[in-house]
Amino acid sequence: MTEFSPLQSDIKQLIKSSGPMPVWRYMELCLLHPEHGYYVSRDPLGREGDFTTAPEVSQMFGELLGLWAASVWKAIGSPPMLRLIELGPGRGTMMADALRALRVLPPLYQALSVHLVEINPVLREKQRATLSGVRNISWHDSIDEVPEGPAVILANEYFDVLPIHQAIRRETGWHERVVNLDANGRLVFGASAEPIPRFEVLLPPLVRAAPVGAVFEWRPDSEIMKIATRVRDQDGAALIIDYGHMRSDAGDTFQAIARHSFADPLKNPGQADVTAHVDFQALTRAAEDLGAKVHGPATQGDFLKRLGIETRAVTLMGKTTPEVSADISSALKRLTDSGRGGMGSMFKVMAVTEPHLTSVAGLSDDGAPGADTP
């Protein structure tokens, strides 16, 4: 992260010429500006990057998701062709681990075509290197480009970077939150002059009684609607894993991460990862409204344990040195624990399937971990 942000000058000029900028537009520019966007020009992952995702913590994560995909394939009748789609596949690590696990099922492995939805050219090259031995693989800018057919869709830490709208409650109602310039020319948060008409009618019940000063966030339903429509009409399932909350509620979760630490989201735009928590109740509502079936959500820790991560860890530890065994034990703890540094309860998991799929591995339909395993 450099001290100079070329995107900052562009954003300030846009605000000067067009007025305060909605938070969603600011977030979109920070991440996707064609020249200076964070996700357009760099590899943000790993120790040398800004954050670490679950697939980078341990091979067990991707392997279990591969076995989950196998359980879906069997549940939908083992079709002769299955599209394995990953949204935002990072360096290709999770897909490589999933495919390694799937090689033990030759009929499924032969049926697979792999589709990666990725807009970052730097990461595309790393994915090509990681997955160089994989046949029948293609890249796309959007899930809309993936050919039709039965599919398993994996979305790990994908929804958290989709731009959010924010509204802040004032005495006069709910006003869209914006990014503006203060008297010294610095980027600051503000609010639109006029309240959003009839906004209270659209709010979840928990939010309607929020006090003055409260912030409510929401994302457009377009991405979850694409996913839900696809699995509803063409058979299959989507697995969504992200950090967020089970119930729609008020709260400001807009944040920036740089060098594995929190940063000011209004400082050095384009130089840090800007994200916001995922509202799993909103995803559930949107998918169910389209007639898809939702399983979960559950915590990541419960989900991975139901899929057998503890058994897998013991197996791996039995084949290696004490030093590597300690690393495996540490990775298991990070993926499943709820304490400081643990991903187990912060991350949630839900599946979206065609309506007749009554259960999926690791999840139930009431928000509790399911009894199924692959």
Protein backbone atom coordinates (compact mmCIF):
# COMPACT_ATOMS: atom_id res chain seq x y z
CA MET A 1 0.00 0.00 0.00
CA THR A 2 1.50 3.31 -1.09
CA GLU A 3 0.86 6.68 0.47
CA PHE A 4 -0.18 8.11 -2.88
CA SER A 5 -3.53 6.99 -4.27
CA PRO A 6 -4.10 8.01 -7.91
CA LEU A 7 -7.76 7.06 -7.53
CA GLN A 8 -8.20 9.62 -4.74
CA SER A 9 -7.70 12.52 -7.18
CA ASP A 10 -10.30 11.05 -9.55
CA ILE A 11 -12.86 10.60 -6.76
CA LYS A 12 -12.35 14.11 -5.42
CA GLN A 13 -12.77 15.55 -8.89
CA LEU A 14 -15.98 13.56 -9.41
CA ILE A 15 -17.38 14.86 -6.11
CA LYS A 16 -16.45 18.45 -7.01
CA SER A 17 -18.16 18.20 -10.40
CA SER A 18 -21.17 15.98 -9.59
CA GLY A 19 -21.74 16.32 -5.85
CA PRO A 20 -21.54 13.81 -2.97
CA MET A 21 -21.02 10.19 -4.03
CA PRO A 22 -23.18 7.32 -2.66
CA VAL A 23 -21.20 4.75 -0.66
CA TRP A 24 -21.98 2.03 -3.22
CA ARG A 25 -20.40 4.09 -6.01
CA TYR A 26 -17.32 4.88 -3.89
CA MET A 27 -16.90 1.17 -3.06
CA GLU A 28 -17.35 0.22 -6.71
CA LEU A 29 -14.65 2.66 -7.82
CA CYS A 30 -12.25 1.52 -5.08
CA LEU A 31 -12.53 -2.10 -6.19
CA LEU A 32 -13.30 -1.99 -9.90
CA HIS A 33 -12.00 1.27 -11.39
CA PRO A 34 -10.57 0.16 -14.77
CA GLU A 35 -7.11 1.61 -14.03
CA HIS A 36 -6.75 2.00 -10.27
CA GLY A 37 -9.30 -0.46 -8.81
CA TYR A 38 -8.02 -2.74 -6.06
CA TYR A 39 -9.31 -5.93 -7.69
CA VAL A 40 -8.23 -5.05 -11.21
CA SER A 41 -4.47 -4.95 -10.93
CA ARG A 42 -3.01 -6.96 -8.04
CA ASP A 43 -2.82 -10.22 -6.10
CA PRO A 44 -4.20 -9.30 -2.65
CA LEU A 45 -3.81 -12.73 -1.04
CA GLY A 46 -1.40 -14.36 1.39
CA ARG A 47 1.27 -13.11 3.75
CA GLU A 48 2.65 -10.63 1.23
CA GLY A 49 -0.83 -9.36 0.40
CA ASP A 50 -3.60 -7.82 2.47
CA PHE A 51 -5.63 -10.80 3.69
CA THR A 52 -5.73 -14.60 3.82
CA THR A 53 -8.74 -16.71 2.81
CA ALA A 54 -9.69 -20.16 4.09
CA PRO A 55 -8.27 -22.05 1.06
CA GLU A 56 -4.88 -20.42 1.74
CA VAL A 57 -5.02 -21.61 5.37
CA SER A 58 -5.29 -25.33 4.56
CA GLN A 59 -5.84 -27.78 1.70
CA MET A 60 -8.56 -29.39 3.83
CA PHE A 61 -10.98 -26.56 3.08
CA GLY A 62 -10.96 -27.04 -0.70
CA GLU A 63 -10.87 -30.82 -0.43
CA LEU A 64 -14.04 -30.87 1.65
CA LEU A 65 -15.79 -28.51 -0.75
CA GLY A 66 -14.85 -30.89 -3.55
CA LEU A 67 -16.47 -33.75 -1.66
CA TRP A 68 -19.51 -31.53 -1.04
CA ALA A 69 -19.77 -30.99 -4.81
CA ALA A 70 -19.62 -34.77 -5.26
CA SER A 71 -22.50 -35.25 -2.84
CA VAL A 72 -24.59 -32.75 -4.84
CA TRP A 73 -23.75 -34.54 -8.11
CA LYS A 74 -25.00 -37.83 -6.64
CA ALA A 75 -28.11 -36.17 -5.19
CA ILE A 76 -29.16 -34.78 -8.58
CA GLY A 77 -28.81 -38.15 -10.28
CA SER A 78 -25.11 -38.18 -11.33
CA PRO A 79 -25.61 -36.32 -14.64
CA PRO A 80 -23.06 -37.10 -17.41
CA MET A 81 -21.97 -33.45 -17.46
CA LEU A 82 -21.49 -31.10 -14.49
CA ARG A 83 -20.22 -27.54 -14.56
CA LEU A 84 -18.07 -26.74 -11.52
CA ILE A 85 -18.16 -22.95 -11.21
CA GLU A 86 -16.18 -20.79 -8.80
CA LEU A 87 -16.92 -17.10 -8.31
CA GLY A 88 -13.84 -15.06 -7.38
CA PRO A 89 -11.38 -17.99 -7.32
CA GLY A 90 -8.33 -16.15 -5.93
CA ARG A 91 -5.15 -17.94 -6.99
CA GLY A 92 -7.02 -21.12 -7.91
CA THR A 93 -5.98 -22.81 -4.67
CA MET A 94 -9.46 -23.90 -3.59
CA MET A 95 -10.33 -25.28 -7.02
CA ALA A 96 -7.04 -27.21 -7.20
CA ASP A 97 -7.71 -28.78 -3.80
CA ALA A 98 -11.34 -29.57 -4.70
CA LEU A 99 -10.31 -31.24 -7.98
CA ARG A 100 -7.66 -33.31 -6.21
CA ALA A 101 -10.35 -34.69 -3.90
CA LEU A 102 -12.68 -35.35 -6.86
CA ARG A 103 -10.10 -37.49 -8.68
CA VAL A 104 -11.10 -40.39 -6.41
CA LEU A 105 -14.45 -40.42 -8.29
CA PRO A 106 -13.47 -41.00 -11.95
CA PRO A 107 -17.07 -40.93 -13.31
CA LEU A 108 -17.60 -37.46 -11.81
CA TYR A 109 -14.10 -36.21 -12.65
CA GLN A 110 -14.66 -37.15 -16.29
CA ALA A 111 -18.04 -35.37 -16.25
CA LEU A 112 -16.61 -32.05 -15.03
CA SER A 113 -16.02 -28.83 -16.88
CA VAL A 114 -14.45 -26.10 -14.74
CA HIS A 115 -15.52 -22.46 -15.03
CA LEU A 116 -13.80 -19.61 -13.18
CA VAL A 117 -15.49 -16.21 -12.93
CA GLU A 118 -12.61 -13.74 -12.52
CA ILE A 119 -12.07 -10.14 -13.70
CA ASN A 120 -8.51 -9.67 -12.36
CA PRO A 121 -5.90 -10.40 -15.07
CA VAL A 122 -3.13 -10.85 -12.47
CA LEU A 123 -5.14 -13.51 -10.64
CA ARG A 124 -6.22 -15.16 -13.90
CA GLU A 125 -2.55 -15.80 -14.71
CA LYS A 126 -1.97 -17.29 -11.25
CA GLN A 127 -5.06 -19.47 -11.67
CA ARG A 128 -3.75 -20.69 -15.05
CA ALA A 129 -0.46 -21.65 -13.40
CA THR A 130 -2.11 -23.37 -10.42
CA LEU A 131 -4.55 -25.28 -12.63
CA SER A 132 -2.24 -25.89 -15.59
CA GLY A 133 -2.93 -29.63 -15.62
CA VAL A 134 -6.71 -29.29 -15.65
CA ARG A 135 -8.47 -30.11 -18.89
CA ASN A 136 -11.77 -28.52 -19.90
CA ILE A 137 -11.36 -25.23 -18.02
CA SER A 138 -12.47 -21.75 -19.04
CA TRP A 139 -12.60 -18.21 -17.64
CA HIS A 140 -15.48 -15.73 -17.63
CA ASP A 141 -16.12 -12.14 -16.56
CA SER A 142 -19.59 -13.01 -15.25
CA ILE A 143 -21.65 -16.06 -14.34
CA ASP A 144 -23.96 -15.02 -17.19
CA GLU A 145 -21.27 -16.24 -19.62
CA VAL A 146 -21.09 -19.79 -18.23
CA PRO A 147 -22.85 -22.26 -20.57
CA GLU A 148 -26.07 -23.85 -19.42
CA GLY A 149 -26.31 -27.20 -17.69
CA PRO A 150 -26.31 -28.77 -14.21
CA ALA A 151 -23.84 -26.94 -11.98
CA VAL A 152 -22.23 -26.71 -8.59
CA ILE A 153 -21.36 -23.08 -7.84
CA LEU A 154 -18.79 -22.22 -5.15
CA ALA A 155 -18.64 -18.66 -3.79
CA ASN A 156 -16.12 -18.24 -0.97
CA GLU A 157 -15.67 -14.61 0.12
CA TYR A 158 -17.38 -13.37 -3.03
CA PHE A 159 -20.43 -11.49 -1.76
CA ASP A 160 -18.55 -9.37 0.81
CA VAL A 161 -16.89 -7.29 -1.93
CA LEU A 162 -20.08 -6.57 -3.88
CA PRO A 163 -20.82 -2.84 -3.38
CA ILE A 164 -23.27 -1.93 -0.61
CA HIS A 165 -25.79 0.85 -0.23
CA GLN A 166 -25.92 2.52 3.17
CA ALA A 167 -28.65 4.63 4.72
CA ILE A 168 -28.35 6.57 7.96
CA ARG A 169 -31.30 7.41 10.21
CA ARG A 170 -31.94 11.07 10.93
CA GLU A 171 -34.84 12.81 12.65
CA THR A 172 -36.29 13.40 9.20
CA GLY A 173 -36.08 9.75 8.09
CA TRP A 174 -33.51 7.51 6.40
CA HIS A 175 -31.00 9.31 4.18
CA GLU A 176 -28.58 7.66 1.74
CA ARG A 177 -25.05 7.75 3.15
CA VAL A 178 -22.55 9.45 0.87
CA VAL A 179 -18.86 10.29 0.57
CA ASN A 180 -18.18 14.03 0.41
CA LEU A 181 -15.33 16.53 0.87
CA ASP A 182 -14.81 18.52 4.07
CA ALA A 183 -13.55 22.11 4.24
CA ASN A 184 -9.96 20.86 3.95
CA GLY A 185 -10.65 18.76 0.87
CA ARG A 186 -10.54 15.43 2.70
CA LEU A 187 -12.94 12.57 2.03
CA VAL A 188 -15.61 12.27 4.74
CA PHE A 189 -18.93 10.49 5.22
CA GLY A 190 -22.13 12.49 4.94
CA ALA A 191 -25.81 12.04 4.10
CA SER A 192 -28.00 13.06 1.18
CA ALA A 193 -30.12 16.15 1.82
CA GLU A 194 -33.49 14.49 1.26
CA PRO A 195 -34.70 11.28 2.96
CA ILE A 196 -35.34 8.16 0.86
CA PRO A 197 -39.11 8.09 0.16
CA ARG A 198 -41.10 5.35 1.98
CA PHE A 199 -37.87 3.63 3.00
CA GLU A 200 -39.32 2.35 6.31
CA VAL A 201 -41.77 0.15 4.41
CA LEU A 202 -38.88 -1.79 2.86
CA LEU A 203 -36.92 -2.28 6.07
CA PRO A 204 -36.63 -5.61 7.94
CA PRO A 205 -38.63 -5.54 11.21
CA LEU A 206 -35.51 -5.41 13.42
CA VAL A 207 -34.36 -2.21 11.74
CA ARG A 208 -37.56 -0.19 11.84
CA ALA A 209 -37.03 0.80 15.49
CA ALA A 210 -33.35 1.71 15.00
CA PRO A 211 -32.30 4.95 16.75
CA VAL A 212 -31.18 8.17 15.10
CA GLY A 213 -27.63 7.72 13.85
CA ALA A 214 -28.11 4.03 13.02
CA VAL A 215 -26.82 2.76 9.67
CA PHE A 216 -28.52 0.13 7.53
CA GLU A 217 -26.71 -1.63 4.67
CA TRP A 218 -28.05 -3.58 1.74
CA ARG A 219 -26.86 -5.01 -1.54
CA PRO A 220 -28.86 -5.33 -4.74
CA ASP A 221 -30.21 -8.85 -5.18
CA SER A 222 -28.91 -9.24 -8.74
CA GLU A 223 -26.07 -11.70 -8.00
CA ILE A 224 -28.01 -14.03 -5.71
CA MET A 225 -30.92 -13.89 -8.17
CA LYS A 226 -28.65 -15.07 -11.01
CA ILE A 227 -27.38 -17.94 -8.87
CA ALA A 228 -30.82 -18.94 -7.56
CA THR A 229 -32.38 -18.81 -11.03
CA ARG A 230 -29.63 -20.96 -12.49
CA VAL A 231 -29.84 -23.77 -9.93
CA ARG A 232 -33.65 -23.60 -9.89
CA ASP A 233 -33.96 -24.03 -13.65
CA GLN A 234 -30.90 -26.10 -14.59
CA ASP A 235 -30.36 -28.36 -11.59
CA GLY A 236 -27.56 -28.26 -9.07
CA ALA A 237 -26.55 -26.20 -6.05
CA ALA A 238 -24.58 -23.16 -4.95
CA LEU A 239 -22.51 -22.94 -1.78
CA ILE A 240 -21.99 -19.45 -0.35
CA ILE A 241 -19.37 -18.93 2.38
CA ASP A 242 -18.66 -15.47 3.76
CA TYR A 243 -18.39 -13.44 6.91
CA GLY A 244 -21.61 -11.81 7.94
CA HIS A 245 -24.76 -12.04 10.03
CA MET A 246 -27.67 -14.48 10.08
CA ARG A 247 -30.35 -11.81 10.56
CA SER A 248 -30.93 -8.48 8.84
CA ASP A 249 -30.13 -5.72 11.33
CA ALA A 250 -28.73 -2.20 11.57
CA GLY A 251 -24.97 -1.67 11.78
CA ASP A 252 -22.10 -0.10 9.87
CA THR A 253 -19.74 -2.86 8.65
CA PHE A 254 -18.06 -0.99 5.79
CA GLN A 255 -14.33 -1.56 6.33
CA ALA A 256 -10.91 -1.61 4.70
CA ILE A 257 -8.16 -4.19 5.13
CA ALA A 258 -4.52 -3.52 4.22
CA ARG A 259 -1.52 -5.67 5.21
CA HIS A 260 -3.77 -7.87 7.38
CA SER A 261 -4.92 -4.90 9.51
CA PHE A 262 -7.95 -2.64 9.50
CA ALA A 263 -7.51 0.66 7.69
CA ASP A 264 -9.54 3.82 7.12
CA PRO A 265 -11.83 3.06 4.14
CA LEU A 266 -11.70 6.72 3.05
CA LYS A 267 -7.91 6.89 3.02
CA ASN A 268 -5.91 5.85 -0.06
CA PRO A 269 -8.88 4.50 -2.08
CA GLY A 270 -7.90 1.70 -4.42
CA GLN A 271 -4.94 0.74 -2.21
CA ALA A 272 -6.87 -1.40 0.28
CA ASP A 273 -9.55 -4.08 0.16
CA VAL A 274 -12.93 -2.54 1.03
CA THR A 275 -15.68 -4.92 2.11
CA ALA A 276 -18.84 -5.17 4.19
CA HIS A 277 -20.50 -8.03 6.03
CA VAL A 278 -22.95 -10.26 4.17
CA ASP A 279 -26.62 -10.29 5.19
CA PHE A 280 -27.51 -13.98 4.94
CA GLN A 281 -31.17 -13.37 5.75
CA ALA A 282 -31.40 -11.04 2.74
CA LEU A 283 -29.73 -13.67 0.51
CA THR A 284 -32.15 -16.31 1.79
CA ARG A 285 -35.17 -14.10 1.17
CA ALA A 286 -34.11 -13.25 -2.39
CA ALA A 287 -33.39 -16.89 -3.31
CA GLU A 288 -36.61 -18.22 -1.80
CA ASP A 289 -38.67 -15.51 -3.50
CA LEU A 290 -37.49 -16.98 -6.82
CA GLY A 291 -38.53 -20.50 -5.84
CA ALA A 292 -35.08 -21.90 -5.05
CA LYS A 293 -34.51 -23.88 -1.85
CA VAL A 294 -32.15 -22.57 0.84
CA HIS A 295 -30.28 -24.83 3.28
CA GLY A 296 -28.74 -23.20 6.35
CA PRO A 297 -27.11 -20.85 7.08
CA ALA A 298 -24.78 -22.45 9.61
CA THR A 299 -21.43 -21.37 10.98
CA GLN A 300 -18.34 -22.39 9.01
CA GLY A 301 -17.03 -24.31 12.01
CA ASP A 302 -20.16 -26.46 12.28
CA PHE A 303 -20.32 -26.98 8.53
CA LEU A 304 -16.71 -28.14 8.19
CA LYS A 305 -17.02 -30.45 11.21
CA ARG A 306 -20.13 -32.03 9.70
CA LEU A 307 -18.16 -32.63 6.51
CA GLY A 308 -15.45 -34.42 8.50
CA ILE A 309 -12.61 -31.91 8.72
CA GLU A 310 -11.43 -33.26 12.08
CA THR A 311 -11.11 -36.78 10.69
CA ARG A 312 -9.31 -35.43 7.63
CA ALA A 313 -6.87 -33.52 9.86
CA VAL A 314 -6.05 -36.67 11.88
CA THR A 315 -5.44 -38.60 8.64
CA LEU A 316 -3.07 -35.93 7.32
CA MET A 317 -1.23 -35.63 10.64
CA GLY A 318 -0.66 -39.38 10.69
CA LYS A 319 1.34 -39.19 7.46
CA THR A 320 3.77 -36.38 8.21
CA THR A 321 6.35 -34.88 10.57
CA PRO A 322 5.56 -33.40 14.00
CA GLU A 323 6.26 -29.90 12.64
CA VAL A 324 3.80 -30.27 9.76
CA SER A 325 1.30 -31.94 12.11
CA ALA A 326 1.43 -28.84 14.31
CA ASP A 327 0.69 -26.68 11.24
CA ILE A 328 -2.30 -28.87 10.34
CA SER A 329 -3.62 -28.65 13.89
CA SER A 330 -3.22 -24.86 13.84
CA ALA A 331 -5.04 -24.62 10.48
CA LEU A 332 -7.91 -26.77 11.79
CA LYS A 333 -8.23 -24.47 14.79
CA ARG A 334 -8.25 -21.35 12.62
CA LEU A 335 -10.89 -22.71 10.23
CA THR A 336 -13.28 -24.00 12.91
CA ASP A 337 -12.68 -22.12 16.19
CA SER A 338 -14.76 -19.19 17.38
CA GLY A 339 -12.08 -17.41 19.39
CA ARG A 340 -9.70 -14.64 18.41
CA GLY A 341 -8.33 -15.23 14.91
CA GLY A 342 -10.76 -18.09 14.30
CA MET A 343 -13.05 -18.20 11.27
CA GLY A 344 -15.43 -20.77 12.74
CA SER A 345 -18.29 -18.53 13.88
CA MET A 346 -17.55 -15.30 11.99
CA PHE A 347 -18.02 -17.06 8.64
CA LYS A 348 -21.42 -18.46 7.68
CA VAL A 349 -22.36 -21.06 5.08
CA MET A 350 -25.57 -21.50 3.11
CA ALA A 351 -26.58 -23.54 0.10
CA VAL A 352 -29.07 -22.64 -2.62
CA THR A 353 -30.48 -25.54 -4.63
CA GLU A 354 -33.18 -26.53 -7.04
CA PRO A 355 -36.45 -26.86 -5.07
CA HIS A 356 -36.66 -30.65 -4.96
CA LEU A 357 -33.26 -31.23 -3.34
CA THR A 358 -34.43 -31.91 0.20
CA SER A 359 -31.04 -31.92 1.92
CA VAL A 360 -27.38 -31.15 1.30
CA ALA A 361 -24.28 -32.31 3.11
CA GLY A 362 -23.37 -30.33 6.22
CA LEU A 363 -26.48 -28.13 6.32
CA SER A 364 -30.12 -28.36 7.35
CA ASP A 365 -33.03 -26.15 6.38
CA ASP A 366 -33.50 -24.52 9.79
CA GLY A 367 -30.15 -22.76 10.18
CA ALA A 368 -28.60 -25.63 12.17
CA PRO A 369 -25.89 -28.00 10.98
CA GLY A 370 -27.29 -30.92 9.02
CA ALA A 371 -26.73 -34.58 9.69
CA ASP A 372 -25.70 -35.44 6.14
CA THR A 373 -22.13 -36.05 5.11
CA PRO A 374 -20.76 -36.75 1.64
